[in-house]
């Protein structure tokens, strides 16, 4: 279901004089729901900081998932971006529609499940766009892996907020105790960097954990097919304290030790010591073997 489809873009006029976001949320009787992974970010100083991290220009195409009451959406519209929001919670639609009316021509509202959205259809033909979101924590990693694998070359930049624990895993280098499957998948497809951390008290209601904004730059075709890379890393990290010659047997069978040796990896190495490039090389071998029927 789509509402408020934006008409042809025109340069932004000065930002409208809107009431404070907390006042708007209160007037609509809107409360964050745990079942939807909602934690509202109502501090406009913070949402504007996130928008600045994305380095947007007026007229840029932005997709935002889970806008809730629209705090981050306001900051994006102020810059002059053309924003499409994906919001499952019907309680938020009227509030977002009011925001769209204030920024006429810039906002499109889609009432649908972000896990089922056709993101390519929302991007300009033969063009690119930005993904910017305070992600619903309960589906954040599922969304991320889908965006990285399905739309290579279509994202100019992704500026996304995660639980800090998840952000730490995305950014971890080899040898770090948090380095794992998500680290490899993310770093194989993009340059990743931490924007800034937020304490729980920045949100309404406060979650039980801190949060971090992560910026994904230079999003390109992954070093290896992400489906195969995911299978290799899932096996490798399934038992972190065991050696690769054991954990990768479900992938390479009796040839595991020979494959590792040929790739220049000590078969006695554990997964956390293997670089993103080395994992990508193993994924290419796995794909080639599967194609050859071995």
Foldseek 3Di string as FASTA:
>chain_A
DKDQDFDDADFFDAQDDDDQLVVLCVVLVDAADVVQLDWAQRDLVVLLLLLVVVVDAAAAEEEEEACQLNSNVSNNVNRNYQYEYEAQDPSNVVSVVVVCVSSHRRYMYHRDDLLPDPVVVSAPVVAAHEYEYADSAVCVLVNVLCVLQPDFPRYQKYKYKYFVLLVCQCCPFQPDPSDALNVLSLVQFFDKDWSDKAAQVSTVVRDPTIMTIMMTHPGHNGLANSVLLSVQRCQQPVPQVFFQLPSCCVQVPPCRCVLCVVLVHHRRDGPSNDGSNSSRVVSVVSVVCVVVVD
